[in-house]
């Protein structure tokens, strides 16, 4: 199923992530696509809040690659921006997926798309306006 939403603020982008979270279960991978500064981390912050985690603890894991947020349902936040596709394949993301939900920024660096993944495309339309396309498996 595909859902397209236009947001006018970061708060609205957070809300879309918050709304998606209850539909996610252990083993779900969320693939985030969008240019630098499009709002991928803001979306993950909303996911965290929707999972009952502290959204204000969510930051871009650019230099650490993977950040874990513990709660009733763990969230693993992955940023592949600074690594190659080969390096991304060696991170063991499949194992993380078995422990909680995995949200991956710069998911296009993955050589294989995880089965059953949710795709999020965030497009910067100028100012604070974003187009979010959420594609969930049928």
C-alpha atoms as a PDB file:
ATOM      1  CA  UNK A   1       0.000   0.000   0.000  1.00  0.00           C
ATOM      2  CA  UNK A   2       1.292   3.487  -0.877  1.00  0.00           C
ATOM      3  CA  UNK A   3       0.459   6.633   1.067  1.00  0.00           C
ATOM      4  CA  UNK A   4       1.652  10.101  -0.007  1.00  0.00           C
ATOM      5  CA  UNK A   5       1.517  12.998   2.452  1.00  0.00           C
ATOM      6  CA  UNK A   6       2.694  16.588   2.164  1.00  0.00           C
ATOM      7  CA  UNK A   7       4.000  17.984   5.447  1.00  0.00           C
ATOM      8  CA  UNK A   8       4.559  21.662   6.208  1.00  0.00           C
ATOM      9  CA  UNK A   9       6.820  21.310   9.253  1.00  0.00           C
ATOM     10  CA  UNK A  10       9.214  18.999  11.044  1.00  0.00           C
ATOM     11  CA  UNK A  11       6.466  18.381  13.619  1.00  0.00           C
ATOM     12  CA  UNK A  12       4.186  17.041  10.870  1.00  0.00           C
ATOM     13  CA  UNK A  13       6.981  14.764   9.603  1.00  0.00           C
ATOM     14  CA  UNK A  14       7.406  13.466  13.173  1.00  0.00           C
ATOM     15  CA  UNK A  15       3.676  12.768  13.283  1.00  0.00           C
ATOM     16  CA  UNK A  16       3.834  10.550  10.177  1.00  0.00           C
ATOM     17  CA  UNK A  17       6.593   8.483  11.819  1.00  0.00           C
ATOM     18  CA  UNK A  18       4.627   8.350  15.076  1.00  0.00           C
ATOM     19  CA  UNK A  19       1.529   7.118  13.199  1.00  0.00           C
ATOM     20  CA  UNK A  20       3.456   4.366  11.383  1.00  0.00           C
ATOM     21  CA  UNK A  21       5.128   2.966  14.518  1.00  0.00           C
ATOM     22  CA  UNK A  22       2.171   0.967  15.945  1.00  0.00           C
ATOM     23  CA  UNK A  23       1.977  -1.052  12.712  1.00  0.00           C
ATOM     24  CA  UNK A  24       5.596  -2.213  13.062  1.00  0.00           C
ATOM     25  CA  UNK A  25       6.773  -5.409  14.753  1.00  0.00           C
ATOM     26  CA  UNK A  26      10.062  -7.090  15.585  1.00  0.00           C
ATOM     27  CA  UNK A  27      11.715  -7.971  12.307  1.00  0.00           C
ATOM     28  CA  UNK A  28      10.528  -4.879  10.418  1.00  0.00           C
ATOM     29  CA  UNK A  29      13.073  -2.881   8.453  1.00  0.00           C
ATOM     30  CA  UNK A  30      12.260   0.706   7.507  1.00  0.00           C
ATOM     31  CA  UNK A  31      14.249   1.937   4.497  1.00  0.00           C
ATOM     32  CA  UNK A  32      14.637   5.721   4.391  1.00  0.00           C
ATOM     33  CA  UNK A  33      15.450   7.532   1.161  1.00  0.00           C
ATOM     34  CA  UNK A  34      15.980  11.252   0.690  1.00  0.00           C
ATOM     35  CA  UNK A  35      18.631  13.865   0.179  1.00  0.00           C
ATOM     36  CA  UNK A  36      20.798  15.285   2.940  1.00  0.00           C
ATOM     37  CA  UNK A  37      18.607  17.389   5.214  1.00  0.00           C
ATOM     38  CA  UNK A  38      15.330  16.023   3.836  1.00  0.00           C
ATOM     39  CA  UNK A  39      14.077  14.917   7.264  1.00  0.00           C
ATOM     40  CA  UNK A  40      15.027  11.247   7.577  1.00  0.00           C
ATOM     41  CA  UNK A  41      16.236  11.612  11.166  1.00  0.00           C
ATOM     42  CA  UNK A  42      13.132  13.632  12.089  1.00  0.00           C
ATOM     43  CA  UNK A  43      11.008  10.774  10.729  1.00  0.00           C
ATOM     44  CA  UNK A  44      12.953   8.259  12.857  1.00  0.00           C
ATOM     45  CA  UNK A  45      12.428  10.523  15.881  1.00  0.00           C
ATOM     46  CA  UNK A  46       8.686  10.182  15.257  1.00  0.00           C
ATOM     47  CA  UNK A  47       9.023   6.398  14.932  1.00  0.00           C
ATOM     48  CA  UNK A  48      10.806   6.314  18.286  1.00  0.00           C
ATOM     49  CA  UNK A  49       8.067   8.343  19.950  1.00  0.00           C
ATOM     50  CA  UNK A  50       5.408   6.072  18.438  1.00  0.00           C
ATOM     51  CA  UNK A  51       7.233   3.075  19.912  1.00  0.00           C
ATOM     52  CA  UNK A  52       7.200   4.656  23.380  1.00  0.00           C
ATOM     53  CA  UNK A  53      10.842   5.717  23.249  1.00  0.00           C
ATOM     54  CA  UNK A  54      12.269   9.161  24.006  1.00  0.00           C
ATOM     55  CA  UNK A  55      12.267  10.976  20.664  1.00  0.00           C
ATOM     56  CA  UNK A  56      14.596  13.668  21.987  1.00  0.00           C
ATOM     57  CA  UNK A  57      17.347  11.031  22.321  1.00  0.00           C
ATOM     58  CA  UNK A  58      17.273  10.317  18.580  1.00  0.00           C
ATOM     59  CA  UNK A  59      20.063  11.917  16.589  1.00  0.00           C
ATOM     60  CA  UNK A  60      21.718  11.126  13.300  1.00  0.00           C
ATOM     61  CA  UNK A  61      24.069   8.153  13.759  1.00  0.00           C
ATOM     62  CA  UNK A  62      26.345   9.397  10.958  1.00  0.00           C
ATOM     63  CA  UNK A  63      29.589   8.865  12.853  1.00  0.00           C
ATOM     64  CA  UNK A  64      28.580   5.832  14.932  1.00  0.00           C
ATOM     65  CA  UNK A  65      26.707   4.057  12.081  1.00  0.00           C
ATOM     66  CA  UNK A  66      24.209   2.361  14.424  1.00  0.00           C
ATOM     67  CA  UNK A  67      22.420   3.740  17.465  1.00  0.00           C
ATOM     68  CA  UNK A  68      20.209   1.576  19.633  1.00  0.00           C
ATOM     69  CA  UNK A  69      17.216   2.962  21.504  1.00  0.00           C
ATOM     70  CA  UNK A  70      15.992   0.549  24.193  1.00  0.00           C
ATOM     71  CA  UNK A  71      12.368   0.211  25.160  1.00  0.00           C
ATOM     72  CA  UNK A  72       9.480  -2.220  24.935  1.00  0.00           C
ATOM     73  CA  UNK A  73      10.374  -2.648  21.276  1.00  0.00           C
ATOM     74  CA  UNK A  74      14.041  -1.770  20.531  1.00  0.00           C
ATOM     75  CA  UNK A  75      14.781   0.563  17.620  1.00  0.00           C
ATOM     76  CA  UNK A  76      18.086   0.364  15.771  1.00  0.00           C
ATOM     77  CA  UNK A  77      18.842   3.544  13.807  1.00  0.00           C
ATOM     78  CA  UNK A  78      21.392   2.989  11.041  1.00  0.00           C
ATOM     79  CA  UNK A  79      23.059   5.604   8.817  1.00  0.00           C
ATOM     80  CA  UNK A  80      24.894   4.286   5.746  1.00  0.00           C
ATOM     81  CA  UNK A  81      25.880   7.730   4.374  1.00  0.00           C
ATOM     82  CA  UNK A  82      29.623   7.428   5.002  1.00  0.00           C
ATOM     83  CA  UNK A  83      30.149   3.793   3.987  1.00  0.00           C
ATOM     84  CA  UNK A  84      30.164   1.750   0.795  1.00  0.00           C
ATOM     85  CA  UNK A  85      27.650  -0.903  -0.208  1.00  0.00           C
ATOM     86  CA  UNK A  86      30.201  -3.629   0.551  1.00  0.00           C
ATOM     87  CA  UNK A  87      30.736  -2.239   4.062  1.00  0.00           C
ATOM     88  CA  UNK A  88      26.968  -1.972   4.564  1.00  0.00           C
ATOM     89  CA  UNK A  89      26.593  -5.682   3.788  1.00  0.00           C
ATOM     90  CA  UNK A  90      29.081  -6.490   6.573  1.00  0.00           C
ATOM     91  CA  UNK A  91      27.171  -4.697   9.353  1.00  0.00           C
ATOM     92  CA  UNK A  92      25.013  -7.687  10.301  1.00  0.00           C
ATOM     93  CA  UNK A  93      21.740  -5.807   9.976  1.00  0.00           C
ATOM     94  CA  UNK A  94      19.817  -9.079   9.627  1.00  0.00           C
ATOM     95  CA  UNK A  95      20.765  -9.973  13.211  1.00  0.00           C
ATOM     96  CA  UNK A  96      19.607  -6.581  14.504  1.00  0.00           C
ATOM     97  CA  UNK A  97      16.338  -7.081  12.677  1.00  0.00           C
ATOM     98  CA  UNK A  98      15.653 -10.169  14.803  1.00  0.00           C
ATOM     99  CA  UNK A  99      15.918  -8.075  17.985  1.00  0.00           C
ATOM    100  CA  UNK A 100      13.687  -5.130  17.099  1.00  0.00           C
ATOM    101  CA  UNK A 101      12.897  -2.618  14.376  1.00  0.00           C
ATOM    102  CA  UNK A 102      15.683  -1.375  12.121  1.00  0.00           C
ATOM    103  CA  UNK A 103      15.431   2.068  10.481  1.00  0.00           C
ATOM    104  CA  UNK A 104      18.095   2.628   7.803  1.00  0.00           C
ATOM    105  CA  UNK A 105      18.992   6.052   6.429  1.00  0.00           C
ATOM    106  CA  UNK A 106      20.623   6.052   2.969  1.00  0.00           C
ATOM    107  CA  UNK A 107      19.109   2.609   2.354  1.00  0.00           C
ATOM    108  CA  UNK A 108      20.015   2.762  -1.331  1.00  0.00           C
ATOM    109  CA  UNK A 109      23.505   1.653  -0.241  1.00  0.00           C
ATOM    110  CA  UNK A 110      22.174  -1.808   0.617  1.00  0.00           C
ATOM    111  CA  UNK A 111      22.945  -4.384  -2.066  1.00  0.00           C
ATOM    112  CA  UNK A 112      19.795  -6.353  -1.145  1.00  0.00           C
ATOM    113  CA  UNK A 113      16.416  -5.052  -0.116  1.00  0.00           C
ATOM    114  CA  UNK A 114      15.261  -6.799   3.080  1.00  0.00           C
ATOM    115  CA  UNK A 115      12.122  -8.858   2.559  1.00  0.00           C
ATOM    116  CA  UNK A 116       8.964  -7.152   3.781  1.00  0.00           C
ATOM    117  CA  UNK A 117      10.658  -3.779   4.268  1.00  0.00           C
ATOM    118  CA  UNK A 118       8.744  -0.525   4.556  1.00  0.00           C
ATOM    119  CA  UNK A 119      10.013   2.168   2.142  1.00  0.00           C
ATOM    120  CA  UNK A 120       9.947   5.859   3.069  1.00  0.00           C
ATOM    121  CA  UNK A 121      10.849   8.432   0.413  1.00  0.00           C
ATOM    122  CA  UNK A 122      11.206  11.994   1.729  1.00  0.00           C
ATOM    123  CA  UNK A 123      11.429  14.781  -0.829  1.00  0.00           C
ATOM    124  CA  UNK A 124      12.332  18.358   0.092  1.00  0.00           C
ATOM    125  CA  UNK A 125       9.868  20.616  -1.737  1.00  0.00           C
ATOM    126  CA  UNK A 126      11.430  23.829  -0.407  1.00  0.00           C
ATOM    127  CA  UNK A 127      11.235  25.564   2.935  1.00  0.00           C
ATOM    128  CA  UNK A 128       9.761  23.199   5.507  1.00  0.00           C
ATOM    129  CA  UNK A 129       7.553  21.403   2.970  1.00  0.00           C
ATOM    130  CA  UNK A 130       8.181  17.698   2.390  1.00  0.00           C
ATOM    131  CA  UNK A 131       6.510  14.971   0.352  1.00  0.00           C
ATOM    132  CA  UNK A 132       6.555  11.661   2.225  1.00  0.00           C
ATOM    133  CA  UNK A 133       5.787   8.518   0.292  1.00  0.00           C
ATOM    134  CA  UNK A 134       5.282   5.523   2.564  1.00  0.00           C
ATOM    135  CA  UNK A 135       5.117   2.113   0.877  1.00  0.00           C
ATOM    136  CA  UNK A 136       4.175  -0.786   3.133  1.00  0.00           C
ATOM    137  CA  UNK A 137       4.081  -4.450   2.112  1.00  0.00           C
ATOM    138  CA  UNK A 138       0.627  -5.746   1.219  1.00  0.00           C
END
